[in-house]
């Protein structure tokens, strides 16, 4: 795990009212621990041809730290691709920043880029779902022919995880 110096980012990214709302959701709905795994790269002062830079990496890391501060059930693990290329390779991470949301009961969710704007509410909902091991799909999604094979694979995975848990 790698830590970054975020001293330059001192203003909170999440407003106080939203922090309180999220804290209430987490207090009420989180059942198991969740790990937020952030893959980024420290900015370089040199231009290196072919090297992927992350313009929003520090902000993504800071945002995940702020989210994790809202519940004791959340932890953040930050990986610098320059210092830990094997961690990214093992997680199948090819782009930065990437955020993986891991729960003990139900796989993980992957965000490519900073989960901000409309994606932020999805991040909060996914943290709750991963914590609870619940995957809720609408009837329309379940009937969709386009997603049938993907859903069957997901169902098998969920059933296997639930059986392993017993």
Foldseek 3Di string as FASTA:
>chain_A
DDDDPLVVPDDQPDDPVRLVVLLVCCVPQFDAAKEKEWEAADDDPDDDPPDAHAPCRSVLQRNLVSSQVSDPSYYYHYDHCVVCVVVCVVVVHDAPTKIWIAAPQAGIDIDHHRCDDPSVVVVSVRNSCRSVLDDDDDPVQCPDPVCPVVVVVRVVRNVVSVVVVD
